[in-house]
Amino acid sequence: MSEEKSSEKTMDDWRRRIDEIDLKLVELFNERTMCAIEIGHIKKRLGLEIYSPNREAQVISNVTGANHGPLDAEAIRRLFERVIDEARRIERIESEREI
């Protein structure tokens, strides 16, 4: 099957594609969070703080450096700051459960 030209796709076609991408994002966000939870367990065993500003800056640098648009670097930074905030929140919750 040949690819349709973007001008031939309908709004419904684009919305279906967005829905597919959203489901993949949910899966990836949850997979990323599971990694963060495991890192939180390691931090707790090592007596390290959950908040790691150097690592968070590295993550932001990695994702903004890999970005080629159409989102600008500031948008990517804001999105990942939120992702990181949620991961940190989950790390704290999981850490408190271990007490």
N, C-alpha and C. Protein backbone atom coordinates (compact mmCIF):
# COMPACT_ATOMS: atom_id res chain seq x y z
N MET A 1 0.85 -1.17 0.00
CA MET A 1 0.00 0.00 0.00
C MET A 1 0.90 1.23 0.00
N SER A 2 0.65 2.15 -0.91
CA SER A 2 1.47 3.35 -0.98
C SER A 2 1.01 4.35 0.06
N GLU A 3 1.96 5.19 0.51
CA GLU A 3 1.60 6.19 1.51
C GLU A 3 0.75 7.27 0.88
N GLU A 4 -0.25 7.69 1.63
CA GLU A 4 -1.08 8.79 1.17
C GLU A 4 -0.30 10.09 1.33
N LYS A 5 -0.52 11.01 0.43
CA LYS A 5 0.07 12.33 0.59
C LYS A 5 -0.65 13.01 1.73
N SER A 6 0.08 13.83 2.49
CA SER A 6 -0.54 14.46 3.65
C SER A 6 -1.72 15.33 3.26
N SER A 7 -1.70 15.90 2.05
CA SER A 7 -2.82 16.74 1.62
C SER A 7 -4.08 15.92 1.34
N GLU A 8 -3.93 14.61 1.17
CA GLU A 8 -5.08 13.76 0.90
C GLU A 8 -5.70 13.20 2.18
N LYS A 9 -5.04 13.35 3.29
CA LYS A 9 -5.58 12.84 4.55
C LYS A 9 -6.60 13.81 5.09
N THR A 10 -7.61 13.24 5.71
CA THR A 10 -8.66 14.05 6.31
C THR A 10 -8.30 14.38 7.76
N MET A 11 -9.06 15.27 8.35
CA MET A 11 -8.87 15.59 9.76
C MET A 11 -9.04 14.34 10.61
N ASP A 12 -10.01 13.51 10.27
CA ASP A 12 -10.22 12.27 11.01
C ASP A 12 -9.00 11.35 10.89
N ASP A 13 -8.39 11.30 9.72
CA ASP A 13 -7.18 10.51 9.55
C ASP A 13 -6.08 11.00 10.49
N TRP A 14 -5.89 12.30 10.53
CA TRP A 14 -4.86 12.89 11.39
C TRP A 14 -5.20 12.66 12.86
N ARG A 15 -6.45 12.75 13.21
CA ARG A 15 -6.85 12.51 14.60
C ARG A 15 -6.63 11.06 15.01
N ARG A 16 -6.90 10.14 14.10
CA ARG A 16 -6.63 8.73 14.40
C ARG A 16 -5.14 8.52 14.61
N ARG A 17 -4.33 9.17 13.81
CA ARG A 17 -2.87 9.05 13.96
C ARG A 17 -2.43 9.63 15.30
N ILE A 18 -2.99 10.77 15.68
CA ILE A 18 -2.68 11.35 16.99
C ILE A 18 -3.08 10.40 18.11
N ASP A 19 -4.25 9.78 18.00
CA ASP A 19 -4.69 8.82 19.01
C ASP A 19 -3.70 7.65 19.12
N GLU A 20 -3.21 7.16 18.00
CA GLU A 20 -2.22 6.08 18.00
C GLU A 20 -0.94 6.53 18.70
N ILE A 21 -0.47 7.71 18.38
CA ILE A 21 0.75 8.25 18.99
C ILE A 21 0.54 8.44 20.48
N ASP A 22 -0.62 8.96 20.87
CA ASP A 22 -0.91 9.17 22.30
C ASP A 22 -0.82 7.86 23.07
N LEU A 23 -1.34 6.78 22.50
CA LEU A 23 -1.28 5.49 23.18
C LEU A 23 0.17 5.03 23.33
N LYS A 24 0.98 5.27 22.32
CA LYS A 24 2.40 4.93 22.43
C LYS A 24 3.08 5.78 23.49
N LEU A 25 2.72 7.06 23.55
CA LEU A 25 3.29 7.94 24.56
C LEU A 25 2.96 7.46 25.97
N VAL A 26 1.72 7.05 26.19
CA VAL A 26 1.32 6.53 27.49
C VAL A 26 2.19 5.33 27.86
N GLU A 27 2.37 4.44 26.92
CA GLU A 27 3.21 3.26 27.16
C GLU A 27 4.64 3.68 27.50
N LEU A 28 5.19 4.61 26.73
CA LEU A 28 6.56 5.06 26.97
C LEU A 28 6.70 5.83 28.28
N PHE A 29 5.72 6.68 28.60
CA PHE A 29 5.76 7.40 29.87
C PHE A 29 5.77 6.42 31.04
N ASN A 30 4.94 5.39 30.95
CA ASN A 30 4.89 4.40 32.02
C ASN A 30 6.18 3.58 32.10
N GLU A 31 6.75 3.25 30.97
CA GLU A 31 8.03 2.53 30.95
C GLU A 31 9.13 3.40 31.57
N ARG A 32 9.14 4.68 31.21
CA ARG A 32 10.12 5.61 31.77
C ARG A 32 9.94 5.73 33.28
N THR A 33 8.69 5.77 33.72
CA THR A 33 8.41 5.88 35.15
C THR A 33 8.88 4.64 35.90
N MET A 34 8.72 3.48 35.32
CA MET A 34 9.22 2.25 35.96
C MET A 34 10.74 2.33 36.14
N CYS A 35 11.43 2.88 35.16
CA CYS A 35 12.88 3.07 35.29
C CYS A 35 13.19 4.02 36.44
N ALA A 36 12.43 5.11 36.51
CA ALA A 36 12.64 6.10 37.58
C ALA A 36 12.38 5.48 38.96
N ILE A 37 11.37 4.63 39.05
CA ILE A 37 11.08 3.95 40.32
C ILE A 37 12.27 3.08 40.74
N GLU A 38 12.82 2.35 39.79
CA GLU A 38 13.97 1.50 40.10
C GLU A 38 15.17 2.35 40.51
N ILE A 39 15.37 3.46 39.85
CA ILE A 39 16.46 4.37 40.24
C ILE A 39 16.20 4.91 41.65
N GLY A 40 14.95 5.20 41.96
CA GLY A 40 14.61 5.65 43.30
C GLY A 40 14.96 4.62 44.37
N HIS A 41 14.72 3.33 44.07
CA HIS A 41 15.08 2.27 45.01
C HIS A 41 16.60 2.25 45.24
N ILE A 42 17.34 2.40 44.15
CA ILE A 42 18.80 2.41 44.26
C ILE A 42 19.27 3.62 45.06
N LYS A 43 18.69 4.79 44.77
CA LYS A 43 19.05 6.00 45.52
C LYS A 43 18.80 5.80 47.01
N LYS A 44 17.68 5.20 47.34
CA LYS A 44 17.35 4.98 48.76
C LYS A 44 18.38 4.07 49.41
N ARG A 45 18.74 2.96 48.74
CA ARG A 45 19.74 2.04 49.29
C ARG A 45 21.09 2.73 49.50
N LEU A 46 21.41 3.66 48.58
CA LEU A 46 22.69 4.36 48.66
C LEU A 46 22.64 5.62 49.53
N GLY A 47 21.44 5.94 50.02
CA GLY A 47 21.29 7.12 50.85
C GLY A 47 21.37 8.43 50.07
N LEU A 48 21.01 8.38 48.81
CA LEU A 48 21.06 9.57 47.96
C LEU A 48 19.71 10.28 47.93
N GLU A 49 19.76 11.56 47.68
CA GLU A 49 18.54 12.36 47.54
C GLU A 49 17.83 12.00 46.23
N ILE A 50 16.51 12.12 46.25
CA ILE A 50 15.73 11.88 45.04
C ILE A 50 16.00 12.97 44.01
N TYR A 51 16.03 14.21 44.48
CA TYR A 51 16.25 15.34 43.57
C TYR A 51 17.72 15.37 43.16
N SER A 52 17.95 15.32 41.86
CA SER A 52 19.31 15.33 41.32
C SER A 52 19.38 16.39 40.22
N PRO A 53 19.65 17.65 40.60
CA PRO A 53 19.62 18.73 39.61
C PRO A 53 20.59 18.54 38.45
N ASN A 54 21.76 17.97 38.72
CA ASN A 54 22.71 17.75 37.62
C ASN A 54 22.18 16.76 36.60
N ARG A 55 21.57 15.68 37.09
CA ARG A 55 21.00 14.68 36.17
C ARG A 55 19.83 15.27 35.40
N GLU A 56 18.99 16.04 36.09
CA GLU A 56 17.85 16.65 35.41
C GLU A 56 18.32 17.61 34.33
N ALA A 57 19.36 18.38 34.60
CA ALA A 57 19.92 19.28 33.58
C ALA A 57 20.47 18.49 32.40
N GLN A 58 21.07 17.34 32.69
CA GLN A 58 21.60 16.48 31.63
C GLN A 58 20.47 15.95 30.74
N VAL A 59 19.37 15.52 31.36
CA VAL A 59 18.22 15.03 30.60
C VAL A 59 17.68 16.13 29.69
N ILE A 60 17.51 17.33 30.24
CA ILE A 60 16.99 18.46 29.45
C ILE A 60 17.95 18.77 28.30
N SER A 61 19.23 18.77 28.58
CA SER A 61 20.22 19.02 27.53
C SER A 61 20.15 17.95 26.44
N ASN A 62 20.02 16.68 26.85
CA ASN A 62 19.94 15.58 25.87
C ASN A 62 18.73 15.73 24.95
N VAL A 63 17.57 15.99 25.54
CA VAL A 63 16.36 16.03 24.73
C VAL A 63 16.27 17.30 23.88
N THR A 64 16.71 18.43 24.42
CA THR A 64 16.67 19.64 23.60
C THR A 64 17.71 19.56 22.48
N GLY A 65 18.83 18.92 22.75
CA GLY A 65 19.86 18.76 21.72
C GLY A 65 19.44 17.82 20.60
N ALA A 66 18.60 16.86 20.93
CA ALA A 66 18.13 15.88 19.94
C ALA A 66 16.93 16.39 19.15
N ASN A 67 16.35 17.48 19.60
CA ASN A 67 15.13 18.01 18.99
C ASN A 67 15.42 18.68 17.65
N HIS A 68 14.60 18.35 16.67
CA HIS A 68 14.71 18.98 15.34
C HIS A 68 13.39 19.60 14.91
N GLY A 69 12.49 19.84 15.87
CA GLY A 69 11.24 20.54 15.58
C GLY A 69 10.17 19.63 15.03
N PRO A 70 8.99 20.16 14.89
CA PRO A 70 8.64 21.57 14.89
C PRO A 70 8.53 22.20 16.28
N LEU A 71 8.52 21.41 17.35
CA LEU A 71 8.55 22.02 18.68
C LEU A 71 9.91 22.68 18.89
N ASP A 72 9.90 23.86 19.49
CA ASP A 72 11.18 24.51 19.76
C ASP A 72 11.78 23.97 21.05
N ALA A 73 13.02 24.33 21.30
CA ALA A 73 13.74 23.81 22.47
C ALA A 73 13.03 24.16 23.78
N GLU A 74 12.45 25.34 23.85
CA GLU A 74 11.76 25.75 25.07
C GLU A 74 10.54 24.87 25.33
N ALA A 75 9.82 24.50 24.29
CA ALA A 75 8.66 23.62 24.45
C ALA A 75 9.10 22.24 24.92
N ILE A 76 10.16 21.73 24.34
CA ILE A 76 10.69 20.43 24.75
C ILE A 76 11.14 20.49 26.21
N ARG A 77 11.81 21.57 26.58
CA ARG A 77 12.26 21.74 27.96
C ARG A 77 11.07 21.71 28.91
N ARG A 78 10.02 22.47 28.60
CA ARG A 78 8.84 22.51 29.46
C ARG A 78 8.18 21.13 29.58
N LEU A 79 8.05 20.43 28.46
CA LEU A 79 7.44 19.10 28.50
C LEU A 79 8.24 18.15 29.37
N PHE A 80 9.55 18.15 29.19
CA PHE A 80 10.37 17.22 29.97
C PHE A 80 10.51 17.63 31.42
N GLU A 81 10.44 18.91 31.71
CA GLU A 81 10.41 19.32 33.11
C GLU A 81 9.20 18.71 33.81
N ARG A 82 8.09 18.70 33.12
CA ARG A 82 6.87 18.10 33.69
C ARG A 82 7.03 16.59 33.86
N VAL A 83 7.59 15.94 32.85
CA VAL A 83 7.82 14.49 32.92
C VAL A 83 8.74 14.17 34.10
N ILE A 84 9.80 14.95 34.24
CA ILE A 84 10.74 14.75 35.34
C ILE A 84 10.07 15.00 36.69
N ASP A 85 9.26 16.05 36.78
CA ASP A 85 8.54 16.34 38.03
C ASP A 85 7.67 15.15 38.44
N GLU A 86 6.97 14.58 37.48
CA GLU A 86 6.10 13.44 37.79
C GLU A 86 6.91 12.22 38.19
N ALA A 87 8.04 12.00 37.53
CA ALA A 87 8.90 10.87 37.89
C ALA A 87 9.43 11.05 39.31
N ARG A 88 9.84 12.26 39.65
CA ARG A 88 10.33 12.55 40.99
C ARG A 88 9.23 12.32 42.03
N ARG A 89 8.01 12.73 41.70
CA ARG A 89 6.87 12.53 42.61
C ARG A 89 6.65 11.04 42.86
N ILE A 90 6.68 10.26 41.82
CA ILE A 90 6.49 8.80 41.96
C ILE A 90 7.64 8.19 42.76
N GLU A 91 8.86 8.65 42.51
CA GLU A 91 10.01 8.15 43.28
C GLU A 91 9.79 8.40 44.77
N ARG A 92 9.30 9.58 45.12
CA ARG A 92 9.05 9.91 46.53
C ARG A 92 7.97 9.00 47.12
N ILE A 93 6.89 8.81 46.37
CA ILE A 93 5.79 7.95 46.85
C ILE A 93 6.31 6.54 47.09
N GLU A 94 7.06 6.02 46.14
CA GLU A 94 7.59 4.65 46.27
C GLU A 94 8.58 4.56 47.42
N SER A 95 9.37 5.60 47.60
CA SER A 95 10.35 5.63 48.68
C SER A 95 9.65 5.60 50.03
N GLU A 96 8.55 6.34 50.16
CA GLU A 96 7.81 6.36 51.42
C GLU A 96 7.14 5.01 51.70
N ARG A 97 6.78 4.29 50.68
CA ARG A 97 6.17 2.97 50.87
C ARG A 97 7.16 1.97 51.46
N GLU A 98 8.44 2.18 51.18
CA GLU A 98 9.47 1.25 51.65
C GLU A 98 9.76 1.42 53.13
N ILE A 99 9.30 2.50 53.72
CA ILE A 99 9.62 2.78 55.13
C ILE A 99 8.89 1.81 56.05
